[in-house]
Amino acid sequence: MPVETTAMLEELGLTRAQSVVYLKLLQIGQSTTGPLIEKTKMQNSVVYNALHQLIEQGLVSYILKGKRKYFSAVEPQQLLRIADTKRSQLERTLPSLLEMQKQGKSKQEARVFIGWKGVYAAFMTIIETLPKEAEYIGFAAGYEEQFSEKTQEFFGRFHKMRSDMRYKMKLIANESARSQVEQQFKVYKEYNYKKPPSYRFVPGFAPVGVIIFGDNVLEVAFGDEPIAIIITSKQIAESHRRFFYRLWEIAKN
């Protein structure tokens, strides 16, 4: 019997023994177990078990002639019934499988965004990813008066969106930037910030321009051609988050 035919039946869920017995019955027609055992070259118990299982699946039937059972394979069209049943079962299960993939799959990737449009898209990922009033933590990128006019315009738009989302923001900055932070709060007031960030300061060793949100870490650098990188990795995000909160504990208000 063709190997590919046996493999096809196995893909439908039949075992190799069931596939061989079914196909052999199709070839020889009605048969007792003796000829089946001889022609399949399988052990008695394997053939008996396969026949019993095929009967349960509706793929083999038998009649009694005296005290002997004569087995027959049902029409091959019945295999379509098995295929349809499996497809229906898969379709019913598919939504939960997709949800499992969504929740359980640990996606890991890195994306690079170059130029102002790219950096804007990177920051928009935060808004698109985090729900309202979610946690937003990071290391301050700098302050408006240090930036170009274009950077200030960019932050103006982003501050408004961030404010509307009412994020619970905690930011760490270097102690040397404390005076600029005080000026920054005036800017937040101008934007009618609904929930200004909480700042703490460390003596000059904090990273700059790093935001941790969900399973993502965004790093940004502004200049003539700004660049942002988003690393999506639960492990990396959690590592940054632990580092942030360790510094938060020792930082000063």
C-alpha atoms as a PDB file:
ATOM      1  CA  MET A   1       0.000   0.000   0.000  1.00  0.00           C
ATOM      2  CA  PRO A   2       1.305   3.509  -0.787  1.00  0.00           C
ATOM      3  CA  VAL A   3       3.206   5.061   2.105  1.00  0.00           C
ATOM      4  CA  GLU A   4       1.667   8.469   1.418  1.00  0.00           C
ATOM      5  CA  THR A   5      -1.854   7.004   1.826  1.00  0.00           C
ATOM      6  CA  THR A   6      -0.966   5.628   5.253  1.00  0.00           C
ATOM      7  CA  ALA A   7       0.568   8.985   6.214  1.00  0.00           C
ATOM      8  CA  MET A   8      -2.605  10.779   5.093  1.00  0.00           C
ATOM      9  CA  LEU A   9      -4.747   8.615   7.364  1.00  0.00           C
ATOM     10  CA  GLU A  10      -2.371   9.255  10.235  1.00  0.00           C
ATOM     11  CA  GLU A  11      -2.794  12.997   9.668  1.00  0.00           C
ATOM     12  CA  LEU A  12      -6.543  12.447  10.141  1.00  0.00           C
ATOM     13  CA  GLY A  13      -5.790  11.052  13.587  1.00  0.00           C
ATOM     14  CA  LEU A  14      -5.585   7.312  12.944  1.00  0.00           C
ATOM     15  CA  THR A  15      -2.672   5.391  14.403  1.00  0.00           C
ATOM     16  CA  ARG A  16      -0.308   3.589  12.053  1.00  0.00           C
ATOM     17  CA  ALA A  17      -1.835   0.229  12.996  1.00  0.00           C
ATOM     18  CA  GLN A  18      -5.380   1.523  12.393  1.00  0.00           C
ATOM     19  CA  SER A  19      -4.323   2.964   9.026  1.00  0.00           C
ATOM     20  CA  VAL A  20      -2.697  -0.283   7.884  1.00  0.00           C
ATOM     21  CA  VAL A  21      -5.648  -2.449   8.974  1.00  0.00           C
ATOM     22  CA  TYR A  22      -8.212  -0.133   7.362  1.00  0.00           C
ATOM     23  CA  LEU A  23      -6.347   0.042   4.041  1.00  0.00           C
ATOM     24  CA  LYS A  24      -5.759  -3.716   3.986  1.00  0.00           C
ATOM     25  CA  LEU A  25      -9.481  -4.323   4.545  1.00  0.00           C
ATOM     26  CA  LEU A  26     -10.239  -2.012   1.635  1.00  0.00           C
ATOM     27  CA  GLN A  27      -7.937  -4.134  -0.551  1.00  0.00           C
ATOM     28  CA  ILE A  28      -9.060  -7.633   0.426  1.00  0.00           C
ATOM     29  CA  GLY A  29     -12.682  -6.898   1.250  1.00  0.00           C
ATOM     30  CA  GLN A  30     -14.537  -8.850   3.926  1.00  0.00           C
ATOM     31  CA  SER A  31     -12.137 -10.778   6.104  1.00  0.00           C
ATOM     32  CA  THR A  32     -11.645 -12.571   9.385  1.00  0.00           C
ATOM     33  CA  THR A  33      -8.732 -11.673  11.612  1.00  0.00           C
ATOM     34  CA  GLY A  34      -6.508 -14.518  10.389  1.00  0.00           C
ATOM     35  CA  PRO A  35      -5.866 -13.187   6.877  1.00  0.00           C
ATOM     36  CA  LEU A  36      -5.528  -9.650   8.261  1.00  0.00           C
ATOM     37  CA  ILE A  37      -2.814 -10.692  10.687  1.00  0.00           C
ATOM     38  CA  GLU A  38      -1.022 -12.565   7.906  1.00  0.00           C
ATOM     39  CA  LYS A  39      -1.195  -9.736   5.356  1.00  0.00           C
ATOM     40  CA  THR A  40      -0.431  -6.844   7.732  1.00  0.00           C
ATOM     41  CA  LYS A  41       2.429  -8.799   9.360  1.00  0.00           C
ATOM     42  CA  MET A  42       1.421  -7.313  12.715  1.00  0.00           C
ATOM     43  CA  GLN A  43       0.937  -9.062  16.059  1.00  0.00           C
ATOM     44  CA  ASN A  44      -2.464 -10.524  16.903  1.00  0.00           C
ATOM     45  CA  SER A  45      -3.093  -8.079  19.758  1.00  0.00           C
ATOM     46  CA  VAL A  46      -2.194  -5.062  17.582  1.00  0.00           C
ATOM     47  CA  VAL A  47      -4.673  -6.113  14.873  1.00  0.00           C
ATOM     48  CA  TYR A  48      -7.439  -6.842  17.411  1.00  0.00           C
ATOM     49  CA  ASN A  49      -6.969  -3.463  19.106  1.00  0.00           C
ATOM     50  CA  ALA A  50      -6.911  -1.625  15.769  1.00  0.00           C
ATOM     51  CA  LEU A  51     -10.124  -3.340  14.643  1.00  0.00           C
ATOM     52  CA  HIS A  52     -11.878  -2.498  17.910  1.00  0.00           C
ATOM     53  CA  GLN A  53     -10.827   1.156  17.645  1.00  0.00           C
ATOM     54  CA  LEU A  54     -11.838   1.388  13.973  1.00  0.00           C
ATOM     55  CA  ILE A  55     -15.275  -0.004  14.818  1.00  0.00           C
ATOM     56  CA  GLU A  56     -15.687   2.662  17.507  1.00  0.00           C
ATOM     57  CA  GLN A  57     -14.808   5.333  14.936  1.00  0.00           C
ATOM     58  CA  GLY A  58     -17.324   3.959  12.452  1.00  0.00           C
ATOM     59  CA  LEU A  59     -14.664   3.020   9.888  1.00  0.00           C
ATOM     60  CA  VAL A  60     -15.013  -0.761  10.181  1.00  0.00           C
ATOM     61  CA  SER A  61     -18.124  -2.932  10.510  1.00  0.00           C
ATOM     62  CA  TYR A  62     -18.562  -6.670  10.933  1.00  0.00           C
ATOM     63  CA  ILE A  63     -21.112  -9.427  10.472  1.00  0.00           C
ATOM     64  CA  LEU A  64     -21.370 -12.818  12.163  1.00  0.00           C
ATOM     65  CA  LYS A  65     -21.284 -15.993  10.091  1.00  0.00           C
ATOM     66  CA  GLY A  66     -21.827 -18.716  12.571  1.00  0.00           C
ATOM     67  CA  LYS A  67     -19.443 -17.901  15.386  1.00  0.00           C
ATOM     68  CA  ARG A  68     -16.913 -16.047  13.268  1.00  0.00           C
ATOM     69  CA  LYS A  69     -16.698 -12.292  12.709  1.00  0.00           C
ATOM     70  CA  TYR A  70     -16.108 -10.983   9.218  1.00  0.00           C
ATOM     71  CA  PHE A  71     -14.792  -7.438   9.105  1.00  0.00           C
ATOM     72  CA  SER A  72     -15.251  -4.864   6.340  1.00  0.00           C
ATOM     73  CA  ALA A  73     -13.925  -1.358   5.825  1.00  0.00           C
ATOM     74  CA  VAL A  74     -16.682   1.233   5.360  1.00  0.00           C
ATOM     75  CA  GLU A  75     -16.708   3.475   2.314  1.00  0.00           C
ATOM     76  CA  PRO A  76     -13.695   5.818   2.112  1.00  0.00           C
ATOM     77  CA  GLN A  77     -16.108   8.772   1.926  1.00  0.00           C
ATOM     78  CA  GLN A  78     -16.542   8.299   5.678  1.00  0.00           C
ATOM     79  CA  LEU A  79     -13.028   9.687   6.050  1.00  0.00           C
ATOM     80  CA  LEU A  80     -14.424  13.041   4.964  1.00  0.00           C
ATOM     81  CA  ARG A  81     -16.739  12.901   7.970  1.00  0.00           C
ATOM     82  CA  ILE A  82     -13.734  12.510  10.249  1.00  0.00           C
ATOM     83  CA  ALA A  83     -11.950  15.370   8.516  1.00  0.00           C
ATOM     84  CA  ASP A  84     -15.045  17.608   8.802  1.00  0.00           C
ATOM     85  CA  THR A  85     -15.475  16.735  12.473  1.00  0.00           C
ATOM     86  CA  LYS A  86     -11.850  17.560  13.218  1.00  0.00           C
ATOM     87  CA  ARG A  87     -12.151  20.820  11.292  1.00  0.00           C
ATOM     88  CA  SER A  88     -15.276  21.775  13.259  1.00  0.00           C
ATOM     89  CA  GLN A  89     -13.533  20.944  16.523  1.00  0.00           C
ATOM     90  CA  LEU A  90     -10.535  23.025  15.506  1.00  0.00           C
ATOM     91  CA  GLU A  91     -12.734  25.974  14.501  1.00  0.00           C
ATOM     92  CA  ARG A  92     -14.435  25.873  17.914  1.00  0.00           C
ATOM     93  CA  THR A  93     -11.082  25.670  19.665  1.00  0.00           C
ATOM     94  CA  LEU A  94      -9.313  28.257  17.496  1.00  0.00           C
ATOM     95  CA  PRO A  95     -10.399  31.378  19.461  1.00  0.00           C
ATOM     96  CA  SER A  96      -9.022  29.967  22.724  1.00  0.00           C
ATOM     97  CA  LEU A  97      -5.821  28.891  20.951  1.00  0.00           C
ATOM     98  CA  LEU A  98      -5.368  32.400  19.599  1.00  0.00           C
ATOM     99  CA  GLU A  99      -5.958  33.840  23.060  1.00  0.00           C
ATOM    100  CA  MET A 100      -3.391  31.430  24.503  1.00  0.00           C
ATOM    101  CA  GLN A 101      -0.933  32.548  21.852  1.00  0.00           C
ATOM    102  CA  LYS A 102      -1.604  36.177  22.639  1.00  0.00           C
ATOM    103  CA  GLN A 103      -1.152  35.688  26.393  1.00  0.00           C
ATOM    104  CA  GLY A 104       1.512  33.037  26.480  1.00  0.00           C
ATOM    105  CA  LYS A 105       3.749  33.845  23.577  1.00  0.00           C
ATOM    106  CA  SER A 106       6.672  35.925  24.702  1.00  0.00           C
ATOM    107  CA  LYS A 107       7.307  38.162  21.743  1.00  0.00           C
ATOM    108  CA  GLN A 108      10.812  39.505  21.528  1.00  0.00           C
ATOM    109  CA  GLU A 109      11.908  42.029  18.962  1.00  0.00           C
ATOM    110  CA  ALA A 110      13.696  45.328  18.545  1.00  0.00           C
ATOM    111  CA  ARG A 111      12.512  48.160  16.301  1.00  0.00           C
ATOM    112  CA  VAL A 112      14.463  51.235  15.286  1.00  0.00           C
ATOM    113  CA  PHE A 113      12.736  54.546  14.510  1.00  0.00           C
ATOM    114  CA  ILE A 114      14.714  57.272  12.764  1.00  0.00           C
ATOM    115  CA  GLY A 115      13.780  60.907  12.206  1.00  0.00           C
ATOM    116  CA  TRP A 116      10.970  62.959  13.693  1.00  0.00           C
ATOM    117  CA  LYS A 117       8.185  60.920  12.127  1.00  0.00           C
ATOM    118  CA  GLY A 118       9.831  57.756  13.352  1.00  0.00           C
ATOM    119  CA  VAL A 119      10.283  59.007  16.913  1.00  0.00           C
ATOM    120  CA  TYR A 120       6.688  60.244  16.944  1.00  0.00           C
ATOM    121  CA  ALA A 121       5.550  56.749  15.882  1.00  0.00           C
ATOM    122  CA  ALA A 122       7.676  55.241  18.656  1.00  0.00           C
ATOM    123  CA  PHE A 123       6.105  57.469  21.324  1.00  0.00           C
ATOM    124  CA  MET A 124       2.646  56.795  19.919  1.00  0.00           C
ATOM    125  CA  THR A 125       3.293  53.119  20.640  1.00  0.00           C
ATOM    126  CA  ILE A 126       3.102  54.027  24.329  1.00  0.00           C
ATOM    127  CA  ILE A 127      -0.339  55.595  23.904  1.00  0.00           C
ATOM    128  CA  GLU A 128      -1.523  52.662  21.777  1.00  0.00           C
ATOM    129  CA  THR A 129      -0.172  50.054  24.209  1.00  0.00           C
ATOM    130  CA  LEU A 130      -1.022  51.395  27.655  1.00  0.00           C
ATOM    131  CA  PRO A 131      -4.625  51.765  28.830  1.00  0.00           C
ATOM    132  CA  LYS A 132      -5.750  54.836  30.758  1.00  0.00           C
ATOM    133  CA  GLU A 133      -4.220  55.333  34.211  1.00  0.00           C
ATOM    134  CA  ALA A 134      -1.585  52.666  33.557  1.00  0.00           C
ATOM    135  CA  GLU A 135       1.933  52.756  34.968  1.00  0.00           C
ATOM    136  CA  TYR A 136       4.423  54.931  33.084  1.00  0.00           C
ATOM    137  CA  ILE A 137       7.965  54.951  34.418  1.00  0.00           C
ATOM    138  CA  GLY A 138      11.304  56.002  33.088  1.00  0.00           C
ATOM    139  CA  PHE A 139      14.403  58.130  33.191  1.00  0.00           C
ATOM    140  CA  ALA A 140      13.885  61.703  32.030  1.00  0.00           C
ATOM    141  CA  ALA A 141      15.108  62.513  28.538  1.00  0.00           C
ATOM    142  CA  GLY A 142      15.808  66.153  29.306  1.00  0.00           C
ATOM    143  CA  TYR A 143      13.938  69.423  29.489  1.00  0.00           C
ATOM    144  CA  GLU A 144      12.347  71.609  26.890  1.00  0.00           C
ATOM    145  CA  GLU A 145      14.672  74.585  27.215  1.00  0.00           C
ATOM    146  CA  GLN A 146      17.605  72.288  26.391  1.00  0.00           C
ATOM    147  CA  PHE A 147      15.976  71.157  23.180  1.00  0.00           C
ATOM    148  CA  SER A 148      15.432  72.583  19.736  1.00  0.00           C
ATOM    149  CA  GLU A 149      12.163  74.240  18.801  1.00  0.00           C
ATOM    150  CA  LYS A 150      11.120  71.131  16.923  1.00  0.00           C
ATOM    151  CA  THR A 151      11.764  68.951  19.984  1.00  0.00           C
ATOM    152  CA  GLN A 152       9.744  71.299  22.155  1.00  0.00           C
ATOM    153  CA  GLU A 153       6.877  71.143  19.672  1.00  0.00           C
ATOM    154  CA  PHE A 154       7.062  67.370  19.727  1.00  0.00           C
ATOM    155  CA  PHE A 155       6.920  67.195  23.525  1.00  0.00           C
ATOM    156  CA  GLY A 156       4.053  69.674  23.588  1.00  0.00           C
ATOM    157  CA  ARG A 157       1.871  67.323  21.560  1.00  0.00           C
ATOM    158  CA  PHE A 158       2.970  64.257  23.490  1.00  0.00           C
ATOM    159  CA  HIS A 159       2.414  65.912  26.905  1.00  0.00           C
ATOM    160  CA  LYS A 160      -1.191  66.595  25.915  1.00  0.00           C
ATOM    161  CA  MET A 161      -1.852  62.975  24.925  1.00  0.00           C
ATOM    162  CA  ARG A 162      -0.053  61.654  27.998  1.00  0.00           C
ATOM    163  CA  SER A 163      -2.116  63.939  30.208  1.00  0.00           C
ATOM    164  CA  ASP A 164      -5.375  62.784  28.639  1.00  0.00           C
ATOM    165  CA  MET A 165      -4.428  59.173  29.410  1.00  0.00           C
ATOM    166  CA  ARG A 166      -3.919  60.052  33.127  1.00  0.00           C
ATOM    167  CA  TYR A 167      -0.888  57.818  33.390  1.00  0.00           C
ATOM    168  CA  LYS A 168       0.571  57.140  36.840  1.00  0.00           C
ATOM    169  CA  MET A 169       3.988  58.533  35.997  1.00  0.00           C
ATOM    170  CA  LYS A 170       7.201  58.181  37.934  1.00  0.00           C
ATOM    171  CA  LEU A 171      10.389  59.649  36.494  1.00  0.00           C
ATOM    172  CA  ILE A 172      13.943  59.662  37.748  1.00  0.00           C
ATOM    173  CA  ALA A 173      16.360  62.436  36.844  1.00  0.00           C
ATOM    174  CA  ASN A 174      19.891  63.307  37.798  1.00  0.00           C
ATOM    175  CA  GLU A 175      20.280  65.645  40.775  1.00  0.00           C
ATOM    176  CA  SER A 176      22.022  68.185  38.566  1.00  0.00           C
ATOM    177  CA  ALA A 177      18.743  68.687  36.697  1.00  0.00           C
ATOM    178  CA  ARG A 178      16.615  69.533  39.756  1.00  0.00           C
ATOM    179  CA  SER A 179      16.282  73.229  38.899  1.00  0.00           C
ATOM    180  CA  GLN A 180      15.165  72.370  35.372  1.00  0.00           C
ATOM    181  CA  VAL A 181      12.528  70.015  36.783  1.00  0.00           C
ATOM    182  CA  GLU A 182      11.076  72.856  38.815  1.00  0.00           C
ATOM    183  CA  GLN A 183      10.777  74.829  35.602  1.00  0.00           C
ATOM    184  CA  GLN A 184       9.254  71.763  33.966  1.00  0.00           C
ATOM    185  CA  PHE A 185       6.333  71.780  36.371  1.00  0.00           C
ATOM    186  CA  LYS A 186       5.471  75.250  35.113  1.00  0.00           C
ATOM    187  CA  VAL A 187       5.260  73.728  31.653  1.00  0.00           C
ATOM    188  CA  TYR A 188       2.935  70.997  32.939  1.00  0.00           C
ATOM    189  CA  LYS A 189       0.733  73.717  34.406  1.00  0.00           C
ATOM    190  CA  GLU A 190       0.577  75.417  31.029  1.00  0.00           C
ATOM    191  CA  TYR A 191      -0.558  72.126  29.497  1.00  0.00           C
ATOM    192  CA  ASN A 192      -3.241  71.807  32.209  1.00  0.00           C
ATOM    193  CA  TYR A 193      -1.678  68.489  33.087  1.00  0.00           C
ATOM    194  CA  LYS A 194      -4.302  66.286  34.758  1.00  0.00           C
ATOM    195  CA  LYS A 195      -1.768  64.120  36.563  1.00  0.00           C
ATOM    196  CA  PRO A 196       1.810  65.474  36.579  1.00  0.00           C
ATOM    197  CA  PRO A 197       4.660  62.984  36.985  1.00  0.00           C
ATOM    198  CA  SER A 198       6.312  62.260  40.311  1.00  0.00           C
ATOM    199  CA  TYR A 199      10.035  63.002  40.142  1.00  0.00           C
ATOM    200  CA  ARG A 200      12.899  61.715  42.222  1.00  0.00           C
ATOM    201  CA  PHE A 201      16.590  62.489  41.868  1.00  0.00           C
ATOM    202  CA  VAL A 202      19.832  60.549  42.029  1.00  0.00           C
ATOM    203  CA  PRO A 203      23.360  61.980  42.127  1.00  0.00           C
ATOM    204  CA  GLY A 204      24.391  61.908  38.498  1.00  0.00           C
ATOM    205  CA  PHE A 205      24.282  58.277  37.405  1.00  0.00           C
ATOM    206  CA  ALA A 206      20.736  57.767  36.098  1.00  0.00           C
ATOM    207  CA  PRO A 207      20.220  56.722  32.484  1.00  0.00           C
ATOM    208  CA  VAL A 208      18.701  59.346  30.184  1.00  0.00           C
ATOM    209  CA  GLY A 209      15.771  58.972  27.813  1.00  0.00           C
ATOM    210  CA  VAL A 210      14.512  55.499  28.815  1.00  0.00           C
ATOM    211  CA  ILE A 211      10.829  54.647  29.210  1.00  0.00           C
ATOM    212  CA  ILE A 212       9.485  51.305  30.462  1.00  0.00           C
ATOM    213  CA  PHE A 213       5.909  50.481  29.505  1.00  0.00           C
ATOM    214  CA  GLY A 214       4.267  47.057  29.477  1.00  0.00           C
ATOM    215  CA  ASP A 215       6.712  44.550  28.015  1.00  0.00           C
ATOM    216  CA  ASN A 216       8.592  47.312  26.208  1.00  0.00           C
ATOM    217  CA  VAL A 217      11.599  49.527  26.760  1.00  0.00           C
ATOM    218  CA  LEU A 218      11.913  52.700  24.686  1.00  0.00           C
ATOM    219  CA  GLU A 219      15.217  54.515  24.411  1.00  0.00           C
ATOM    220  CA  VAL A 220      15.369  57.881  22.670  1.00  0.00           C
ATOM    221  CA  ALA A 221      18.066  60.377  21.747  1.00  0.00           C
ATOM    222  CA  PHE A 222      17.247  63.803  20.286  1.00  0.00           C
ATOM    223  CA  GLY A 223      19.457  65.701  17.882  1.00  0.00           C
ATOM    224  CA  ASP A 224      19.490  66.851  14.296  1.00  0.00           C
ATOM    225  CA  GLU A 225      18.182  63.422  13.395  1.00  0.00           C
ATOM    226  CA  PRO A 226      16.528  61.877  16.459  1.00  0.00           C
ATOM    227  CA  ILE A 227      16.417  58.132  16.944  1.00  0.00           C
ATOM    228  CA  ALA A 228      14.357  55.804  19.107  1.00  0.00           C
ATOM    229  CA  ILE A 229      14.599  52.098  19.776  1.00  0.00           C
ATOM    230  CA  ILE A 230      11.801  49.963  21.203  1.00  0.00           C
ATOM    231  CA  ILE A 231      12.818  46.613  22.642  1.00  0.00           C
ATOM    232  CA  THR A 232       9.876  44.286  23.179  1.00  0.00           C
ATOM    233  CA  SER A 233      10.810  41.602  25.684  1.00  0.00           C
ATOM    234  CA  LYS A 234       9.117  40.736  28.947  1.00  0.00           C
ATOM    235  CA  GLN A 235      12.436  39.728  30.505  1.00  0.00           C
ATOM    236  CA  ILE A 236      14.245  42.908  29.472  1.00  0.00           C
ATOM    237  CA  ALA A 237      11.330  45.143  30.496  1.00  0.00           C
ATOM    238  CA  GLU A 238      11.157  43.480  33.922  1.00  0.00           C
ATOM    239  CA  SER A 239      14.912  43.865  34.352  1.00  0.00           C
ATOM    240  CA  HIS A 240      14.659  47.612  33.619  1.00  0.00           C
ATOM    241  CA  ARG A 241      11.626  47.908  35.881  1.00  0.00           C
ATOM    242  CA  ARG A 242      13.459  46.296  38.796  1.00  0.00           C
ATOM    243  CA  PHE A 243      16.427  48.609  38.212  1.00  0.00           C
ATOM    244  CA  PHE A 244      14.129  51.638  38.111  1.00  0.00           C
ATOM    245  CA  TYR A 245      12.390  50.802  41.384  1.00  0.00           C
ATOM    246  CA  ARG A 246      15.673  49.999  43.090  1.00  0.00           C
ATOM    247  CA  LEU A 247      16.844  53.509  42.217  1.00  0.00           C
ATOM    248  CA  TRP A 248      13.443  54.921  43.145  1.00  0.00           C
ATOM    249  CA  GLU A 249      13.892  53.569  46.681  1.00  0.00           C
ATOM    250  CA  ILE A 250      17.185  55.385  47.220  1.00  0.00           C
ATOM    251  CA  ALA A 251      16.408  58.510  45.157  1.00  0.00           C
ATOM    252  CA  LYS A 252      15.483  61.796  46.824  1.00  0.00           C
ATOM    253  CA  ASN A 253      12.294  63.792  46.404  1.00  0.00           C
END
